Protein backbone atom coordinates (compact mmCIF):
# COMPACT_ATOMS: atom_id res chain seq x y z
CA MET A 1 3.86 77.32 155.56
CA LEU A 2 6.33 80.55 154.61
CA GLU A 3 3.42 82.09 152.79
CA THR A 4 0.73 81.32 154.37
CA LEU A 5 2.19 83.01 157.32
CA TRP A 6 2.82 85.90 155.04
CA GLN A 7 -0.59 85.79 153.82
CA TYR A 8 -2.01 85.88 157.58
CA ALA A 9 -0.19 88.57 158.63
CA LEU A 10 -1.80 90.89 155.63
CA VAL A 11 -4.83 89.90 156.53
CA TYR A 12 -3.79 91.39 160.53
CA LEU A 13 -1.97 94.66 158.27
CA SER A 14 -4.87 95.19 156.26
CA ALA A 15 -7.48 94.87 158.87
CA ALA A 16 -5.38 97.77 161.21
CA THR A 17 -5.71 100.35 158.28
CA PRO A 18 -8.37 102.55 159.63
CA LEU A 19 -10.13 102.66 156.21
CA LEU A 20 -9.79 98.82 154.93
CA GLU A 21 -12.63 97.49 157.39
CA VAL A 22 -13.27 93.47 158.26
CA MET A 23 -15.86 93.93 155.95
CA VAL A 24 -13.69 93.89 153.62
CA VAL A 25 -10.31 92.47 154.32
CA ILE A 26 -12.36 89.21 155.56
CA PRO A 27 -14.19 88.84 152.45
CA ALA A 28 -10.90 89.49 150.18
CA SER A 29 -8.95 87.14 151.62
CA VAL A 30 -11.45 83.99 152.32
CA ALA A 31 -11.85 84.36 147.72
CA VAL A 32 -7.85 84.28 147.11
CA GLY A 33 -8.17 80.74 149.26
CA LEU A 34 -7.58 81.60 152.78
CA HIS A 35 -9.30 79.33 155.52
CA PRO A 36 -12.41 81.73 157.39
CA VAL A 37 -11.90 81.19 160.61
CA PRO A 38 -8.27 82.38 161.21
CA VAL A 39 -8.91 85.32 158.48
CA GLY A 40 -12.09 86.28 160.83
CA ILE A 41 -9.82 86.19 164.17
CA ILE A 42 -7.09 87.46 162.61
CA ALA A 43 -8.30 90.21 161.08
CA PHE A 44 -10.68 91.08 164.37
CA ALA A 45 -7.53 90.92 165.79
CA GLY A 46 -6.09 93.48 163.59
CA ASN A 47 -8.85 95.96 163.26
CA ALA A 48 -9.30 95.63 167.54
CA THR A 49 -5.67 96.65 167.60
CA THR A 50 -5.60 100.07 166.13
CA LEU A 51 -9.28 101.23 166.99
CA VAL A 52 -8.14 100.71 171.28
CA ALA A 53 -4.92 102.58 170.35
CA ALA A 54 -6.90 105.42 168.36
CA ILE A 55 -9.54 106.09 171.16
CA LEU A 56 -6.56 105.66 173.88
CA GLY A 57 -4.71 108.36 171.90
CA GLY A 58 -7.64 110.34 170.09
CA ASP A 59 -8.74 110.45 174.13
CA GLU A 60 -5.35 111.93 175.02
CA LEU A 61 -5.06 114.43 172.38
CA ILE A 62 -8.75 115.79 173.01
CA SER A 63 -7.80 116.38 176.56
CA ARG A 64 -4.35 118.39 175.94
CA LEU A 65 -6.50 120.24 173.47
CA ARG A 66 -8.96 121.83 175.53
CA HIS A 67 -6.69 122.30 178.35
CA ARG A 68 -4.33 124.12 175.63
CA ARG A 69 -7.28 126.17 174.14
CA HIS A 70 -8.36 126.96 178.45
CA ARG A 71 -4.48 128.49 178.77
CA ARG A 72 -4.92 130.81 175.68
CA ARG A 73 -8.19 131.85 177.53
CA GLY A 74 -6.74 132.61 180.86
CA ASP A 75 -8.80 129.98 182.38
CA ASP A 76 -7.09 128.06 185.48
CA ALA A 77 -8.67 124.84 184.03
CA PRO A 78 -11.71 123.93 182.18
CA SER A 79 -14.73 124.26 182.69
CA GLU A 80 -18.13 122.43 181.77
CA GLY A 81 -20.24 124.95 182.68
CA LYS A 82 -18.89 127.99 180.79
CA LYS A 83 -21.21 129.05 178.39
CA SER A 84 -20.38 129.58 174.34
CA THR A 85 -20.40 132.94 173.43
CA ASP A 86 -22.51 131.76 170.29
CA HIS A 87 -25.07 130.47 171.63
CA ARG A 88 -26.81 128.41 168.32
CA ALA A 89 -23.70 125.96 167.62
CA GLU A 90 -23.81 125.19 172.21
CA ARG A 91 -27.15 124.17 171.67
CA ARG A 92 -26.23 122.15 168.31
CA ARG A 93 -23.83 120.57 169.95
CA GLU A 94 -25.99 119.68 173.10
CA ARG A 95 -28.26 118.31 171.18
CA ILE A 96 -25.88 115.90 169.43
CA ARG A 97 -24.67 115.27 172.90
CA ARG A 98 -28.03 114.05 173.85
CA ILE A 99 -29.19 111.67 170.72
CA ALA A 100 -25.66 110.34 171.45
CA TYR A 101 -25.62 109.32 174.74
CA ARG A 102 -29.51 108.51 174.50
CA TRP A 103 -28.74 106.28 171.35
CA GLY A 104 -25.45 106.96 170.02
CA LEU A 105 -23.06 104.32 171.45
CA PRO A 106 -24.62 101.32 170.39
CA GLY A 107 -25.71 102.61 167.47
CA VAL A 108 -22.00 104.32 166.69
CA ALA A 109 -20.63 100.35 168.26
CA VAL A 110 -22.67 98.63 165.58
CA LEU A 111 -23.13 100.96 162.16
CA GLY A 112 -19.73 102.52 162.36
CA PRO A 113 -17.84 100.23 160.83
CA ILE A 114 -20.02 99.66 157.69
CA THR A 115 -21.02 102.94 157.54
CA VAL A 116 -18.42 105.21 158.18
CA GLY A 117 -15.12 103.30 159.77
CA SER A 118 -15.07 101.99 162.74
CA HIS A 119 -11.92 104.11 163.93
CA PHE A 120 -13.46 107.18 162.52
CA ALA A 121 -17.06 106.12 164.46
CA ALA A 122 -14.95 105.44 167.52
CA LEU A 123 -13.16 108.84 167.72
CA ALA A 124 -16.41 110.78 167.12
CA ALA A 125 -17.65 108.65 170.73
CA VAL A 126 -14.44 110.31 171.93
CA ALA A 127 -14.58 113.48 170.71
CA LEU A 128 -18.44 113.65 172.80
CA ARG A 129 -17.37 112.73 175.74
CA MET A 130 -18.55 109.32 176.10
CA PRO A 131 -17.05 106.66 178.70
CA LEU A 132 -13.46 105.99 177.42
CA GLY A 133 -14.07 102.35 178.67
CA ARG A 134 -17.73 101.85 177.05
CA VAL A 135 -16.63 103.12 173.75
CA ILE A 136 -13.83 100.74 173.87
CA VAL A 137 -16.19 97.79 174.73
CA TRP A 138 -18.97 98.20 172.56
CA THR A 139 -16.67 99.19 169.57
CA VAL A 140 -14.61 96.26 169.93
CA GLY A 141 -18.03 94.06 170.60
CA GLY A 142 -19.15 96.05 167.09
CA VAL A 143 -16.27 95.38 165.25
CA ALA A 144 -16.33 91.28 166.95
CA ALA A 145 -19.72 90.80 165.88
CA TRP A 146 -18.70 92.03 162.25
CA SER A 147 -16.12 90.36 161.88
CA LEU A 148 -18.21 87.44 162.82
CA VAL A 149 -21.14 88.09 160.67
CA PHE A 150 -18.44 88.88 157.79
CA THR A 151 -16.31 85.48 158.41
CA VAL A 152 -19.66 83.24 158.47
CA LEU A 153 -21.03 84.86 154.94
CA SER A 154 -17.31 84.30 152.89
CA ALA A 155 -17.22 80.78 154.90
CA PHE A 156 -21.22 80.25 153.15
CA GLY A 157 -19.95 82.12 150.07
CA SER A 158 -16.72 80.64 149.21
CA SER A 159 -18.63 76.72 149.23
CA LEU A 160 -20.75 77.34 146.42
CA PHE A 161 -18.07 78.00 144.47
């Protein structure tokens, strides 16, 4: 009993690790003999916990860095309307922002966990100043969807062996 609890605790901690996503943790845990349903739920909880913490912490850090940069320049407060001295860089940033707002958040949330990792994808969305609440809802929803997919695939895959 204690050994099983320890194994599920390792599932939680592994899924909470930013580079170990649910797509790795769930199949590996089911492959060693743990039941797929608790593994899926626990792996989702572990990933979602650190994901929300990273989003909130990343937002606070970015806000502080922007405020600090504007103080060093002598500005009173960060201003969205100020033009950059490098117009090409500003145009690139604006293009990325437009694409991200048009397609990005659902795409980041769904494709992030299997492409670049859910934590990095969420921090990129925060850095692009997407609404924080929507970033949390979409990215946690994306991790939930992938957790379900990998839990079902792992359960069916383990029944074949």
